[in-house]
Amino acid sequence: MARTVRDTALESRAARSRLPTQKKPYWRPLHQGSHLGYYRGARGGSWCARQFGGGKYREAKLGIADDVADADGVAVLSFRQAQDKARAWFSEQAHLLAGLEPATSGPYTVGDAITDYLRSYERRGKSVDRTKATIDAHILPSLGTVEVRRLTARLLRDWHEGLAATPARLRSRAEAGQRYRPETEDADALRKRKATANRNLTVLKAALNHAWREGRVPNDEAWRRVSPFHNVEEPVIRYLMAEECVRLVNACAADFRPLVQAALLTGARYGELRVLRPSDFDPDAGILTIRTSKAGKHRHVVLSDEGKQFFATQARGQAASAPILHRSDSGPWGTGHQRRPLTAACEAAKIEPAISFHVLRHTHGATLAMKGVPLAVIAKQLGHADIRMTERHYAHLAQSYVSDTIRASFPNLGIVETDGVTTLRAKRARSTRR
């Protein structure tokens, strides 16, 4: 992202007043081939810009320098404002050279930026359903009609803090209006709201940054100055113990049971499981191919012997185009169809509070971690983009993960002499551990 360039000779009135007058501008590079210029004449200073392309420089006048009058951001420009206006001109030139409509024509709103971002997101092969739901619920109602150029850090900060102060949304019928969870002062509930606000801020920033990179707005200063809430992304991961898994599976309705079994055996997401086809299961290799994932990439899930037996049974006799996991009427499971049967199964199995389907994925990952499986292997199995997500969720469950890593990595410095004496306290501690 662009940052305001510093130049002690140009950024203040006093510094510019000491520059000798000359016929050519004082040029300051903003990035390769693009420069901001300050012309100091006998009657005052002004700003200009130039950009190299097609074997020559193209130049443009930007406005009067604030050497005497105060900057207004339109006709009279400070050093920072001149940089912003120069970058906007650079963007216009790039669009014109590419045969595109200039980026600055017409009002460009947050809603427009969101639309462009989602199109780019889809072109990269990623699923936009969940991202679009977040946008429709939390971003467009408040900010959709605001022109991106008029965004301020204060406006965005108020929006971000307002999300954290709003109770969690409940599923609601359209005609009944949006319902919310009751207000609570529970510390973990407040943490979750702030974490959700951070995720919404990340989506908004991604869309605005895309607009900035495409030249639709001159700078990214407004949202760059808005920081997420700190220390709220440390989740308390819930997972089921083995006996709870058995109770839950036994309590499920007949057609829903295979879906729960598949989640526990693979760690796959609900959206990944409901679109599985018989061809995605390789009985010889014991591999399940997830072709449609959250990140838009396919991955291979390694199955245990129990998992291979389960999917062999489910795929037997199925048409190639039919879903492996289907409802009792042979139709596919749809978005949101898992919530009510899972809640009913939790109630029957006496699992309180009722879990979400995602907890089954956590159960798979936690079970692997507690069996000492390396976190890098768990990350690959679950399809995490990198190991940091895996560490955050499951490192505390891995057998002596932190202590083993530190002891294996920290060398013996040879600075402590051993005297062969063992303290009584240490002996008692070892005896207790036996």
Protein backbone atom coordinates (compact mmCIF):
# COMPACT_ATOMS: atom_id res chain seq x y z
CA MET A 1 0.00 0.00 0.00
CA ALA A 2 1.17 3.55 -0.70
CA ARG A 3 2.60 5.59 2.11
CA THR A 4 3.09 9.36 2.22
CA VAL A 5 6.59 10.05 0.96
CA ARG A 6 8.79 12.21 3.20
CA ASP A 7 11.03 14.96 1.83
CA THR A 8 12.45 17.56 4.21
CA ALA A 9 13.03 20.01 1.34
CA LEU A 10 9.39 19.98 0.17
CA GLU A 11 7.03 18.95 2.95
CA SER A 12 6.89 22.28 4.83
CA ARG A 13 6.39 25.91 3.83
CA ALA A 14 9.57 26.98 5.61
CA ALA A 15 11.68 24.39 3.81
CA ARG A 16 10.27 25.30 0.40
CA SER A 17 10.87 29.01 1.03
CA ARG A 18 14.59 28.31 1.23
CA LEU A 19 14.72 26.74 -2.23
CA PRO A 20 16.12 28.94 -4.99
CA THR A 21 13.74 29.87 -7.79
CA GLN A 22 14.42 28.01 -11.03
CA LYS A 23 12.85 27.32 -14.39
CA LYS A 24 12.44 23.58 -13.83
CA PRO A 25 10.51 21.89 -11.00
CA TYR A 26 12.15 20.10 -8.09
CA TRP A 27 11.17 16.46 -8.74
CA ARG A 28 10.54 13.89 -6.02
CA PRO A 29 10.00 10.24 -7.13
CA LEU A 30 6.88 8.61 -5.67
CA HIS A 31 7.53 5.28 -7.38
CA GLN A 32 9.39 4.09 -10.45
CA GLY A 33 8.75 6.35 -13.42
CA SER A 34 6.32 8.61 -11.52
CA HIS A 35 7.32 11.89 -9.90
CA LEU A 36 5.80 14.76 -7.94
CA GLY A 37 7.20 18.15 -8.84
CA TYR A 38 7.37 21.49 -7.01
CA TYR A 39 7.91 24.59 -9.12
CA ARG A 40 9.15 27.64 -7.26
CA GLY A 41 8.75 30.80 -9.28
CA ALA A 42 9.03 34.45 -8.46
CA ARG A 43 5.31 34.69 -7.62
CA GLY A 44 4.96 31.51 -5.55
CA GLY A 45 5.03 27.75 -5.80
CA SER A 46 2.87 25.15 -7.48
CA TRP A 47 2.66 21.37 -7.76
CA CYS A 48 2.91 19.23 -10.87
CA ALA A 49 3.35 15.57 -11.78
CA ARG A 50 5.05 13.55 -14.48
CA GLN A 51 4.96 9.92 -15.52
CA PHE A 52 7.19 8.04 -17.94
CA GLY A 53 5.55 5.94 -20.64
CA GLY A 54 5.89 5.31 -24.35
CA GLY A 55 9.47 6.57 -24.35
CA LYS A 56 8.67 9.99 -22.90
CA TYR A 57 7.33 11.81 -19.84
CA ARG A 58 3.77 13.10 -19.67
CA GLU A 59 3.24 16.03 -17.31
CA ALA A 60 0.24 17.62 -15.58
CA LYS A 61 -0.37 20.64 -13.34
CA LEU A 62 -1.92 19.70 -9.98
CA GLY A 63 -2.53 22.96 -8.12
CA ILE A 64 -1.06 25.82 -6.10
CA ALA A 65 1.26 24.99 -3.21
CA ASP A 66 0.19 26.09 0.27
CA ASP A 67 3.15 28.47 0.54
CA VAL A 68 0.93 31.43 1.47
CA ALA A 69 -2.72 30.31 1.58
CA ASP A 70 -3.93 27.38 3.69
CA ALA A 71 -4.47 24.11 1.84
CA ASP A 72 -8.06 23.29 0.87
CA GLY A 73 -7.37 19.97 -0.91
CA VAL A 74 -8.78 21.30 -4.21
CA ALA A 75 -6.99 24.37 -5.55
CA VAL A 76 -4.39 24.81 -2.81
CA LEU A 77 -2.53 21.65 -1.89
CA SER A 78 -0.21 20.59 0.90
CA PHE A 79 2.69 18.24 0.16
CA ARG A 80 0.60 15.21 1.21
CA GLN A 81 -2.47 16.33 -0.75
CA ALA A 82 -0.29 16.90 -3.82
CA GLN A 83 0.95 13.31 -3.54
CA ASP A 84 -2.63 12.02 -3.42
CA LYS A 85 -3.64 14.08 -6.44
CA ALA A 86 -0.53 12.95 -8.33
CA ARG A 87 -1.32 9.29 -7.68
CA ALA A 88 -4.88 9.82 -8.88
CA TRP A 89 -3.49 11.30 -12.12
CA PHE A 90 -1.04 8.39 -12.48
CA SER A 91 -4.00 6.01 -12.21
CA GLU A 92 -5.99 7.90 -14.85
CA GLN A 93 -3.05 7.70 -17.24
CA ALA A 94 -2.67 3.97 -16.67
CA HIS A 95 -6.36 3.41 -17.46
CA LEU A 96 -6.19 5.53 -20.59
CA LEU A 97 -3.10 3.70 -21.86
CA ALA A 98 -4.90 0.40 -21.29
CA GLY A 99 -7.94 1.61 -23.23
CA LEU A 100 -10.13 1.63 -20.13
CA GLU A 101 -12.51 4.22 -18.76
CA PRO A 102 -10.67 6.64 -16.44
CA ALA A 103 -10.98 5.48 -12.86
CA THR A 104 -12.07 8.85 -11.57
CA SER A 105 -15.23 9.26 -13.68
CA GLY A 106 -18.43 9.40 -11.67
CA PRO A 107 -19.00 8.70 -7.96
CA TYR A 108 -17.45 5.42 -6.88
CA THR A 109 -19.17 4.03 -3.81
CA VAL A 110 -18.30 1.34 -1.28
CA GLY A 111 -20.99 -0.78 -2.94
CA ASP A 112 -19.19 -0.41 -6.28
CA ALA A 113 -15.90 -1.39 -4.66
CA ILE A 114 -17.56 -4.46 -3.14
CA THR A 115 -18.97 -5.50 -6.52
CA ASP A 116 -15.57 -5.20 -8.23
CA TYR A 117 -13.89 -7.09 -5.40
CA LEU A 118 -16.35 -10.00 -5.53
CA ARG A 119 -15.90 -10.31 -9.28
CA SER A 120 -12.14 -10.52 -8.79
CA TYR A 121 -12.67 -13.00 -5.94
CA GLU A 122 -14.73 -15.27 -8.20
CA ARG A 123 -12.19 -15.04 -11.03
CA ARG A 124 -9.60 -16.46 -8.64
CA GLY A 125 -11.80 -19.53 -8.20
CA LYS A 126 -12.96 -18.73 -4.67
CA SER A 127 -16.46 -19.18 -3.32
CA VAL A 128 -18.15 -15.85 -2.55
CA ASP A 129 -21.27 -17.12 -0.77
CA ARG A 130 -20.02 -16.70 2.78
CA THR A 131 -18.19 -13.46 2.02
CA LYS A 132 -21.26 -12.03 0.32
CA ALA A 133 -23.45 -12.94 3.30
CA THR A 134 -21.08 -10.99 5.56
CA ILE A 135 -21.12 -8.03 3.19
CA ASP A 136 -24.91 -7.98 2.86
CA ALA A 137 -25.43 -8.18 6.61
CA HIS A 138 -22.75 -5.87 7.99
CA ILE A 139 -21.18 -3.64 5.34
CA LEU A 140 -23.65 -2.58 2.65
CA PRO A 141 -26.48 -1.44 4.98
CA SER A 142 -24.22 1.11 6.69
CA LEU A 143 -21.60 2.00 4.09
CA GLY A 144 -22.83 0.82 0.69
CA THR A 145 -23.90 4.24 -0.62
CA VAL A 146 -20.92 6.17 0.78
CA GLU A 147 -18.49 7.43 -1.86
CA VAL A 148 -15.10 5.83 -1.27
CA ARG A 149 -13.32 9.18 -1.63
CA ARG A 150 -15.38 10.54 1.27
CA LEU A 151 -14.53 7.75 3.69
CA THR A 152 -12.76 8.94 6.82
CA ALA A 153 -10.93 7.03 9.51
CA ARG A 154 -13.46 8.25 12.07
CA LEU A 155 -16.44 7.03 10.02
CA LEU A 156 -14.88 3.60 9.57
CA ARG A 157 -13.81 3.40 13.21
CA ASP A 158 -17.34 4.24 14.38
CA TRP A 159 -18.75 1.55 12.08
CA HIS A 160 -16.22 -1.02 13.35
CA GLU A 161 -16.88 -0.23 17.01
CA GLY A 162 -20.63 -0.25 16.37
CA LEU A 163 -20.41 -3.82 15.06
CA ALA A 164 -18.66 -4.91 18.25
CA ALA A 165 -21.35 -3.26 20.38
CA THR A 166 -24.21 -4.96 18.51
CA PRO A 167 -25.41 -8.33 19.89
CA ALA A 168 -24.95 -11.41 17.73
CA ARG A 169 -27.58 -11.89 15.03
CA LEU A 170 -30.08 -14.76 15.13
CA ARG A 171 -31.61 -16.51 12.15
CA SER A 172 -34.80 -14.59 11.37
CA ARG A 173 -37.65 -14.72 8.92
CA ALA A 174 -37.57 -11.86 6.44
CA GLU A 175 -41.07 -10.69 7.35
CA ALA A 176 -40.31 -10.71 11.09
CA GLY A 177 -37.21 -8.50 10.91
CA GLN A 178 -33.74 -9.20 12.23
CA ARG A 179 -33.55 -10.73 15.71
CA TYR A 180 -30.53 -10.57 18.04
CA ARG A 181 -29.22 -12.54 20.99
CA PRO A 182 -29.97 -11.04 24.41
CA GLU A 183 -27.42 -8.52 25.70
CA THR A 184 -24.72 -10.09 27.84
CA GLU A 185 -21.62 -9.03 29.72
CA ASP A 186 -20.00 -12.44 29.37
CA ALA A 187 -16.32 -11.83 28.57
CA ASP A 188 -16.10 -14.53 25.91
CA ALA A 189 -19.28 -13.29 24.20
CA LEU A 190 -17.80 -9.78 24.04
CA ARG A 191 -14.55 -11.22 22.66
CA LYS A 192 -16.46 -13.06 19.95
CA ARG A 193 -18.29 -9.88 18.92
CA LYS A 194 -15.02 -8.01 18.59
CA ALA A 195 -13.49 -10.90 16.65
CA THR A 196 -16.49 -10.85 14.29
CA ALA A 197 -16.12 -7.08 13.85
CA ASN A 198 -12.46 -7.64 12.95
CA ARG A 199 -13.37 -10.18 10.28
CA ASN A 200 -15.89 -7.76 8.77
CA LEU A 201 -13.25 -5.02 8.80
CA THR A 202 -10.86 -7.37 7.01
CA VAL A 203 -13.42 -7.99 4.24
CA LEU A 204 -14.10 -4.26 3.86
CA LYS A 205 -10.40 -3.42 3.74
CA ALA A 206 -9.79 -6.14 1.16
CA ALA A 207 -12.46 -4.62 -1.11
CA LEU A 208 -11.17 -1.07 -0.63
CA ASN A 209 -7.56 -2.12 -1.18
CA HIS A 210 -8.61 -3.82 -4.41
CA ALA A 211 -10.25 -0.57 -5.50
CA TRP A 212 -7.09 1.35 -4.63
CA ARG A 213 -4.82 -1.08 -6.51
CA GLU A 214 -7.10 -0.80 -9.54
CA GLY A 215 -6.79 2.97 -9.46
CA ARG A 216 -10.42 3.69 -8.59
CA VAL A 217 -9.41 5.83 -5.59
CA PRO A 218 -6.31 8.00 -5.14
CA ASN A 219 -5.15 6.77 -1.72
CA ASP A 220 -5.80 4.26 1.05
CA GLU A 221 -5.15 6.50 4.03
CA ALA A 222 -8.65 6.44 5.57
CA TRP A 223 -8.91 2.68 6.14
CA ARG A 224 -5.17 2.21 6.70
CA ARG A 225 -5.54 4.26 9.89
CA VAL A 226 -8.25 1.97 11.30
CA SER A 227 -6.85 -0.85 13.42
CA PRO A 228 -8.61 -4.08 14.45
CA PHE A 229 -9.31 -4.92 18.06
CA HIS A 230 -6.30 -6.58 19.66
CA ASN A 231 -6.11 -9.85 21.59
CA VAL A 232 -9.57 -11.08 20.59
CA GLU A 233 -8.59 -13.86 18.16
CA GLU A 234 -7.69 -16.47 20.76
CA PRO A 235 -10.66 -18.82 20.48
CA VAL A 236 -11.74 -21.36 23.04
CA ILE A 237 -11.92 -24.39 20.77
CA ARG A 238 -14.70 -26.81 21.57
CA TYR A 239 -14.45 -30.45 20.54
CA LEU A 240 -16.14 -33.72 21.45
CA MET A 241 -14.59 -36.59 23.39
CA ALA A 242 -14.82 -40.10 21.93
CA GLU A 243 -17.81 -41.11 24.05
CA GLU A 244 -19.65 -37.91 23.08
CA CYS A 245 -19.03 -38.69 19.40
CA VAL A 246 -20.64 -42.13 19.85
CA ARG A 247 -23.67 -40.66 21.67
CA LEU A 248 -24.13 -37.98 19.02
CA VAL A 249 -23.92 -40.38 16.08
CA ASN A 250 -26.40 -42.76 17.72
CA ALA A 251 -28.82 -39.89 18.37
CA CYS A 252 -28.85 -38.62 14.77
CA ALA A 253 -31.72 -39.19 12.37
CA ALA A 254 -31.02 -42.02 9.92
CA ASP A 255 -30.32 -39.82 6.87
CA PHE A 256 -28.35 -37.21 8.86
CA ARG A 257 -26.12 -39.75 10.63
CA PRO A 258 -23.76 -40.36 7.64
CA LEU A 259 -23.15 -36.63 7.32
CA VAL A 260 -22.03 -36.40 10.97
CA GLN A 261 -19.92 -39.56 10.64
CA ALA A 262 -18.22 -38.16 7.54
CA ALA A 263 -17.40 -34.88 9.31
CA LEU A 264 -15.85 -36.69 12.29
CA LEU A 265 -13.84 -39.03 10.05
CA THR A 266 -12.50 -36.34 7.68
CA GLY A 267 -12.61 -32.94 9.37
CA ALA A 268 -14.24 -31.58 6.20
CA ARG A 269 -16.62 -28.62 6.28
CA TYR A 270 -20.36 -29.06 5.78
CA GLY A 271 -20.22 -27.30 2.40
CA GLU A 272 -17.44 -29.63 1.27
CA LEU A 273 -19.22 -32.81 2.35
CA ARG A 274 -22.62 -32.11 0.84
CA VAL A 275 -21.21 -31.93 -2.71
CA LEU A 276 -19.09 -35.11 -2.59
CA ARG A 277 -19.56 -37.57 -5.45
CA PRO A 278 -18.57 -41.27 -5.66
CA SER A 279 -15.67 -40.35 -7.95
CA ASP A 280 -14.17 -38.26 -5.14
CA PHE A 281 -13.44 -41.43 -3.14
CA ASP A 282 -10.39 -43.50 -4.07
CA PRO A 283 -10.72 -46.86 -2.25
CA ASP A 284 -7.27 -48.09 -3.31
CA ALA A 285 -5.37 -45.06 -2.00
CA GLY A 286 -7.76 -44.44 0.89
CA ILE A 287 -8.07 -40.80 -0.19
CA LEU A 288 -11.05 -38.47 -0.36
CA THR A 289 -10.70 -35.55 -2.77
CA ILE A 290 -12.31 -32.29 -1.72
CA ARG A 291 -12.87 -30.48 -5.01
CA THR A 292 -14.84 -27.51 -3.70
CA SER A 293 -13.24 -25.90 -0.65
CA LYS A 294 -13.58 -22.59 1.14
CA ALA A 295 -10.32 -21.33 -0.40
CA GLY A 296 -11.29 -22.46 -3.90
CA LYS A 297 -8.55 -25.10 -3.99
CA HIS A 298 -8.93 -28.85 -3.99
CA ARG A 299 -7.18 -31.04 -1.40
CA HIS A 300 -6.82 -34.70 -0.52
CA VAL A 301 -8.03 -36.03 2.85
CA VAL A 302 -6.37 -39.18 4.12
CA LEU A 303 -8.85 -41.71 5.51
CA SER A 304 -8.33 -44.11 8.37
CA ASP A 305 -9.37 -47.76 7.98
CA GLU A 306 -12.70 -46.85 9.56
CA GLY A 307 -13.04 -43.93 7.13
CA LYS A 308 -12.29 -46.12 4.10
CA GLN A 309 -14.88 -48.65 5.21
CA PHE A 310 -17.45 -45.89 5.77
CA PHE A 311 -17.06 -44.25 2.35
CA ALA A 312 -16.89 -47.59 0.54
CA THR A 313 -20.29 -48.40 2.04
CA GLN A 314 -21.74 -44.97 1.22
CA ALA A 315 -20.51 -44.95 -2.39
CA ARG A 316 -21.63 -48.51 -3.17
CA GLY A 317 -24.42 -48.56 -5.76
CA GLN A 318 -24.52 -44.77 -6.11
CA ALA A 319 -24.85 -43.12 -9.53
CA ALA A 320 -21.72 -41.22 -10.56
CA SER A 321 -23.54 -37.86 -10.47
CA ALA A 322 -25.40 -38.52 -7.20
CA PRO A 323 -24.18 -37.09 -3.89
CA ILE A 324 -22.54 -39.68 -1.62
CA LEU A 325 -24.27 -38.11 1.37
CA HIS A 326 -27.92 -37.34 0.72
CA ARG A 327 -31.26 -36.89 2.45
CA SER A 328 -33.84 -39.62 2.87
CA ASP A 329 -35.53 -38.51 -0.38
CA SER A 330 -32.17 -38.92 -2.20
CA GLY A 331 -31.96 -35.16 -2.68
CA PRO A 332 -28.82 -33.20 -1.80
CA TRP A 333 -28.30 -31.44 1.50
CA GLY A 334 -28.76 -27.69 1.05
CA THR A 335 -27.25 -24.67 2.75
CA GLY A 336 -28.40 -24.51 6.37
CA HIS A 337 -30.14 -27.91 6.30
CA GLN A 338 -27.77 -29.26 8.95
CA ARG A 339 -28.70 -26.90 11.78
CA ARG A 340 -32.01 -28.30 13.01
CA PRO A 341 -31.17 -32.02 12.83
CA LEU A 342 -27.86 -31.38 14.62
CA THR A 343 -29.59 -29.42 17.38
CA ALA A 344 -32.12 -32.23 17.81
CA ALA A 345 -29.34 -34.84 17.95
CA CYS A 346 -27.45 -32.83 20.58
CA GLU A 347 -30.57 -32.62 22.70
CA ALA A 348 -31.17 -36.37 22.45
CA ALA A 349 -27.49 -37.13 23.19
CA LYS A 350 -27.47 -34.68 26.13
CA ILE A 351 -24.64 -32.61 24.64
CA GLU A 352 -25.03 -29.17 26.19
CA PRO A 353 -24.87 -26.56 24.91
CA ALA A 354 -25.67 -27.82 21.43
CA ILE A 355 -22.74 -27.69 19.04
CA SER A 356 -22.46 -26.27 15.54
CA PHE A 357 -21.45 -28.48 12.63
CA HIS A 358 -18.02 -26.84 12.62
CA VAL A 359 -17.27 -28.40 16.02
CA LEU A 360 -17.15 -31.77 14.26
CA ARG A 361 -14.27 -30.41 12.17
CA HIS A 362 -12.55 -29.19 15.35
CA THR A 363 -13.07 -32.62 16.87
CA HIS A 364 -11.17 -34.24 14.00
CA GLY A 365 -8.29 -31.76 14.30
CA ALA A 366 -8.18 -31.95 18.10
CA THR A 367 -8.15 -35.76 18.04
CA LEU A 368 -5.16 -35.76 15.69
CA ALA A 369 -3.32 -33.18 17.84
CA MET A 370 -3.87 -35.15 21.04
CA LYS A 371 -2.47 -38.25 19.32
CA GLY A 372 0.77 -36.39 18.61
CA VAL A 373 0.26 -35.84 14.87
CA PRO A 374 2.54 -32.97 13.68
CA LEU A 375 0.68 -29.71 13.25
CA ALA A 376 1.90 -29.37 9.65
CA VAL A 377 0.20 -32.68 8.85
CA ILE A 378 -3.02 -31.53 10.53
CA ALA A 379 -2.90 -28.28 8.53
CA LYS A 380 -2.70 -30.25 5.27
CA GLN A 381 -5.50 -32.61 6.31
CA LEU A 382 -7.84 -29.72 7.19
CA GLY A 383 -6.83 -27.54 4.25
CA HIS A 384 -5.52 -24.61 6.29
CA ALA A 385 -3.71 -22.01 4.18
CA ASP A 386 -0.70 -22.18 6.50
CA ILE A 387 0.27 -23.71 9.83
CA ARG A 388 -0.46 -20.57 11.86
CA MET A 389 -4.19 -21.30 11.91
CA THR A 390 -3.50 -24.87 13.02
CA GLU A 391 -1.17 -23.72 15.79
CA ARG A 392 -3.69 -21.22 17.08
CA HIS A 393 -6.42 -23.84 17.32
CA TYR A 394 -4.63 -27.05 18.31
CA ALA A 395 -1.09 -26.35 19.57
CA HIS A 396 -2.23 -26.42 23.20
CA LEU A 397 -3.66 -29.92 22.67
CA ALA A 398 -0.53 -31.42 21.12
CA GLN A 399 1.43 -33.60 23.54
CA SER A 400 4.04 -31.33 25.15
CA TYR A 401 4.09 -29.30 21.93
CA VAL A 402 5.56 -26.11 23.39
CA SER A 403 7.99 -27.76 25.79
CA ASP A 404 9.20 -30.33 23.25
CA THR A 405 9.73 -27.64 20.59
CA ILE A 406 11.71 -25.38 22.93
CA ARG A 407 13.87 -28.20 24.32
CA ALA A 408 14.61 -29.52 20.85
CA SER A 409 15.49 -26.08 19.45
CA PHE A 410 17.36 -24.31 22.26
CA PRO A 411 21.04 -25.35 22.36
CA ASN A 412 23.12 -26.20 25.40
CA LEU A 413 25.08 -22.99 26.02
CA GLY A 414 27.57 -24.66 28.37
CA ILE A 415 27.30 -21.89 30.94
CA VAL A 416 25.97 -23.95 33.88
CA GLU A 417 28.21 -26.26 35.89
CA THR A 418 26.62 -29.43 37.25
CA ASP A 419 27.50 -30.41 40.81
CA GLY A 420 25.72 -33.76 40.88
CA VAL A 421 23.45 -32.72 43.75
CA THR A 422 19.69 -33.30 43.49
CA THR A 423 17.42 -31.25 45.73
CA LEU A 424 14.87 -32.92 47.99
CA ARG A 425 12.07 -30.91 46.38
CA ALA A 426 12.91 -32.36 42.96
CA LYS A 427 12.90 -35.89 44.39
CA ARG A 428 9.50 -35.39 45.94
CA ALA A 429 8.16 -34.02 42.65
CA ARG A 430 9.38 -37.04 40.72
CA SER A 431 7.89 -39.34 43.31
CA THR A 432 4.55 -37.57 43.00
CA ARG A 433 4.57 -37.99 39.24
CA ARG A 434 5.02 -41.71 39.58
